[in-house]
Amino acid sequence: MVGFGDIPLIIRRFPSDHIWVDYDREADVLYINFERPQRATDSVLRDNVLIRKRNGKIIGLTFLNVSKFKIIKVRKPK
């Protein structure tokens, strides 16, 4: 199960030097993209998080109803 607290773990796995973040206040959706263009060939929806993939590689995350996510403090591993 993927949740908001998993974002730092997911991002660390990407060799990408760029991350694009957009928030649509009216739709309450947060978009995090790791590649441009962001055309996905596959996607999986889990707990209001849409994981977008292209050729088996995660290219973006879409968080639905993001204002309802519980914010947690993430600490660096020791």
N, C-alpha and C. Protein backbone atom coordinates (compact mmCIF):
# COMPACT_ATOMS: atom_id res chain seq x y z
N MET A 1 0.83 -1.16 0.00
CA MET A 1 0.00 0.00 0.00
C MET A 1 0.89 1.25 0.00
N VAL A 2 0.61 2.17 -0.88
CA VAL A 2 1.40 3.39 -1.00
C VAL A 2 0.63 4.52 -0.35
N GLY A 3 1.33 5.34 0.40
CA GLY A 3 0.71 6.49 1.04
C GLY A 3 1.63 7.69 0.97
N PHE A 4 1.14 8.80 1.49
CA PHE A 4 1.88 10.05 1.44
C PHE A 4 3.26 9.92 2.08
N GLY A 5 3.36 9.16 3.16
CA GLY A 5 4.64 8.99 3.84
C GLY A 5 5.66 8.22 3.04
N ASP A 6 5.23 7.54 1.97
CA ASP A 6 6.14 6.76 1.13
C ASP A 6 6.87 7.60 0.10
N ILE A 7 6.48 8.85 -0.07
CA ILE A 7 7.08 9.68 -1.12
C ILE A 7 8.60 9.74 -1.02
N PRO A 8 9.19 10.04 0.17
CA PRO A 8 10.66 10.09 0.21
C PRO A 8 11.32 8.78 -0.20
N LEU A 9 10.72 7.66 0.16
CA LEU A 9 11.29 6.36 -0.21
C LEU A 9 11.21 6.13 -1.70
N ILE A 10 10.10 6.54 -2.30
CA ILE A 10 9.92 6.37 -3.74
C ILE A 10 10.88 7.26 -4.51
N ILE A 11 11.01 8.52 -4.09
CA ILE A 11 11.84 9.47 -4.81
C ILE A 11 13.31 9.07 -4.78
N ARG A 12 13.78 8.51 -3.68
CA ARG A 12 15.19 8.10 -3.58
C ARG A 12 15.57 7.07 -4.63
N ARG A 13 14.62 6.35 -5.15
CA ARG A 13 14.90 5.28 -6.12
C ARG A 13 15.07 5.80 -7.54
N PHE A 14 14.84 7.08 -7.78
CA PHE A 14 14.86 7.61 -9.13
C PHE A 14 16.19 8.27 -9.45
N PRO A 15 16.72 7.94 -10.63
CA PRO A 15 17.98 8.57 -11.05
C PRO A 15 17.75 9.94 -11.67
N SER A 16 16.49 10.37 -11.75
CA SER A 16 16.15 11.63 -12.39
C SER A 16 16.72 12.82 -11.64
N ASP A 17 17.20 13.79 -12.40
CA ASP A 17 17.71 15.02 -11.82
C ASP A 17 16.61 16.07 -11.65
N HIS A 18 15.45 15.81 -12.24
CA HIS A 18 14.36 16.78 -12.20
C HIS A 18 13.07 16.13 -11.70
N ILE A 19 12.33 16.90 -10.94
CA ILE A 19 11.00 16.48 -10.49
C ILE A 19 10.08 17.68 -10.68
N TRP A 20 8.95 17.47 -11.33
CA TRP A 20 7.98 18.52 -11.55
C TRP A 20 6.80 18.28 -10.62
N VAL A 21 6.36 19.32 -9.93
CA VAL A 21 5.25 19.21 -8.99
C VAL A 21 4.22 20.27 -9.34
N ASP A 22 2.97 19.84 -9.45
CA ASP A 22 1.86 20.76 -9.72
C ASP A 22 0.71 20.40 -8.78
N TYR A 23 0.02 21.43 -8.31
CA TYR A 23 -1.15 21.21 -7.45
C TYR A 23 -2.34 21.91 -8.07
N ASP A 24 -3.44 21.18 -8.23
CA ASP A 24 -4.69 21.72 -8.73
C ASP A 24 -5.62 21.88 -7.53
N ARG A 25 -5.74 23.12 -7.03
CA ARG A 25 -6.51 23.39 -5.82
C ARG A 25 -8.00 23.04 -6.01
N GLU A 26 -8.54 23.38 -7.16
CA GLU A 26 -9.97 23.13 -7.40
C GLU A 26 -10.28 21.63 -7.38
N ALA A 27 -9.40 20.82 -7.98
CA ALA A 27 -9.60 19.37 -8.01
C ALA A 27 -9.01 18.68 -6.80
N ASP A 28 -8.19 19.39 -6.01
CA ASP A 28 -7.49 18.85 -4.85
C ASP A 28 -6.62 17.65 -5.24
N VAL A 29 -5.82 17.87 -6.29
CA VAL A 29 -4.96 16.82 -6.84
C VAL A 29 -3.52 17.34 -6.90
N LEU A 30 -2.58 16.52 -6.42
CA LEU A 30 -1.16 16.83 -6.48
C LEU A 30 -0.51 15.91 -7.50
N TYR A 31 0.20 16.51 -8.45
CA TYR A 31 0.89 15.75 -9.50
C TYR A 31 2.39 15.84 -9.26
N ILE A 32 3.06 14.70 -9.22
CA ILE A 32 4.52 14.66 -9.13
C ILE A 32 4.99 13.86 -10.34
N ASN A 33 5.81 14.52 -11.18
CA ASN A 33 6.28 13.88 -12.41
C ASN A 33 7.79 13.77 -12.41
N PHE A 34 8.27 12.63 -12.85
CA PHE A 34 9.70 12.36 -12.89
C PHE A 34 10.26 12.43 -14.30
N GLU A 35 9.38 12.50 -15.29
CA GLU A 35 9.80 12.57 -16.69
C GLU A 35 8.84 13.45 -17.45
N ARG A 36 9.34 14.06 -18.51
CA ARG A 36 8.51 14.79 -19.45
C ARG A 36 8.80 14.21 -20.82
N PRO A 37 7.88 13.95 -21.69
CA PRO A 37 6.45 14.10 -21.44
C PRO A 37 5.96 13.05 -20.46
N GLN A 38 4.81 13.31 -19.89
CA GLN A 38 4.31 12.46 -18.83
C GLN A 38 3.27 11.43 -19.30
N ARG A 39 3.29 11.07 -20.55
CA ARG A 39 2.33 10.09 -21.07
C ARG A 39 2.62 8.69 -20.51
N ALA A 40 1.70 8.19 -19.72
CA ALA A 40 1.85 6.86 -19.12
C ALA A 40 1.22 5.81 -20.02
N THR A 41 1.78 4.61 -19.99
CA THR A 41 1.20 3.49 -20.73
C THR A 41 0.46 2.55 -19.78
N ASP A 42 0.64 2.75 -18.47
CA ASP A 42 -0.01 1.92 -17.47
C ASP A 42 -0.14 2.72 -16.18
N SER A 43 -1.13 2.40 -15.37
CA SER A 43 -1.28 3.07 -14.09
C SER A 43 -1.98 2.15 -13.10
N VAL A 44 -1.69 2.38 -11.83
CA VAL A 44 -2.28 1.60 -10.74
C VAL A 44 -2.78 2.58 -9.70
N LEU A 45 -4.03 2.39 -9.24
CA LEU A 45 -4.60 3.26 -8.22
C LEU A 45 -4.64 2.52 -6.89
N ARG A 46 -3.99 3.10 -5.87
CA ARG A 46 -3.97 2.52 -4.52
C ARG A 46 -4.14 3.63 -3.51
N ASP A 47 -5.16 3.55 -2.68
CA ASP A 47 -5.37 4.51 -1.59
C ASP A 47 -5.27 5.97 -2.05
N ASN A 48 -5.98 6.31 -3.11
CA ASN A 48 -6.01 7.68 -3.65
C ASN A 48 -4.67 8.14 -4.21
N VAL A 49 -3.78 7.21 -4.52
CA VAL A 49 -2.52 7.52 -5.19
C VAL A 49 -2.48 6.75 -6.51
N LEU A 50 -2.39 7.49 -7.59
CA LEU A 50 -2.29 6.89 -8.91
C LEU A 50 -0.81 6.82 -9.28
N ILE A 51 -0.29 5.62 -9.45
CA ILE A 51 1.10 5.41 -9.83
C ILE A 51 1.12 5.26 -11.35
N ARG A 52 1.76 6.20 -12.04
CA ARG A 52 1.78 6.20 -13.49
C ARG A 52 3.11 5.64 -13.99
N LYS A 53 3.00 4.70 -14.96
CA LYS A 53 4.19 4.02 -15.48
C LYS A 53 4.24 4.10 -17.00
N ARG A 54 5.47 4.02 -17.50
CA ARG A 54 5.69 3.90 -18.95
C ARG A 54 6.78 2.86 -19.12
N ASN A 55 6.48 1.81 -19.87
CA ASN A 55 7.42 0.70 -20.10
C ASN A 55 7.95 0.12 -18.79
N GLY A 56 7.08 0.01 -17.78
CA GLY A 56 7.44 -0.60 -16.50
C GLY A 56 8.13 0.33 -15.52
N LYS A 57 8.45 1.55 -15.94
CA LYS A 57 9.16 2.51 -15.08
C LYS A 57 8.17 3.55 -14.55
N ILE A 58 8.24 3.85 -13.26
CA ILE A 58 7.35 4.86 -12.68
C ILE A 58 7.79 6.23 -13.18
N ILE A 59 6.83 6.94 -13.82
CA ILE A 59 7.15 8.26 -14.35
C ILE A 59 6.43 9.37 -13.60
N GLY A 60 5.48 8.99 -12.72
CA GLY A 60 4.78 10.02 -11.98
C GLY A 60 3.81 9.45 -10.96
N LEU A 61 3.42 10.32 -10.04
CA LEU A 61 2.44 9.99 -9.01
C LEU A 61 1.37 11.07 -9.02
N THR A 62 0.13 10.66 -8.87
CA THR A 62 -0.98 11.59 -8.78
C THR A 62 -1.72 11.29 -7.49
N PHE A 63 -1.80 12.30 -6.62
CA PHE A 63 -2.45 12.14 -5.32
C PHE A 63 -3.82 12.79 -5.38
N LEU A 64 -4.86 11.98 -5.23
CA LEU A 64 -6.24 12.46 -5.25
C LEU A 64 -6.65 12.86 -3.84
N ASN A 65 -7.48 13.90 -3.73
CA ASN A 65 -7.96 14.38 -2.42
C ASN A 65 -6.78 14.63 -1.48
N VAL A 66 -5.76 15.29 -1.98
CA VAL A 66 -4.50 15.42 -1.23
C VAL A 66 -4.68 16.20 0.08
N SER A 67 -5.65 17.09 0.17
CA SER A 67 -5.82 17.85 1.41
C SER A 67 -6.29 16.97 2.57
N LYS A 68 -6.76 15.78 2.26
CA LYS A 68 -7.22 14.86 3.30
C LYS A 68 -6.13 13.90 3.77
N PHE A 69 -4.94 13.94 3.13
CA PHE A 69 -3.83 13.09 3.54
C PHE A 69 -3.30 13.55 4.89
N LYS A 70 -2.92 12.60 5.70
CA LYS A 70 -2.31 12.91 6.98
C LYS A 70 -0.85 13.24 6.72
N ILE A 71 -0.41 14.39 7.20
CA ILE A 71 0.98 14.80 7.04
C ILE A 71 1.79 14.22 8.19
N ILE A 72 2.87 13.56 7.85
CA ILE A 72 3.75 13.01 8.88
C ILE A 72 5.16 13.57 8.71
N LYS A 73 5.87 13.66 9.78
CA LYS A 73 7.24 14.14 9.72
C LYS A 73 8.14 12.97 9.34
N VAL A 74 8.94 13.16 8.30
CA VAL A 74 9.84 12.11 7.83
C VAL A 74 11.24 12.44 8.35
N ARG A 75 11.84 11.46 8.98
CA ARG A 75 13.19 11.65 9.51
C ARG A 75 14.20 10.91 8.65
N LYS A 76 15.40 11.47 8.58
CA LYS A 76 16.47 10.82 7.84
C LYS A 76 16.91 9.58 8.61
N PRO A 77 17.21 8.51 7.87
CA PRO A 77 17.73 7.32 8.55
C PRO A 77 19.09 7.61 9.18
N LYS A 78 19.36 6.99 10.31
CA LYS A 78 20.64 7.20 10.99
C LYS A 78 21.69 6.28 10.45
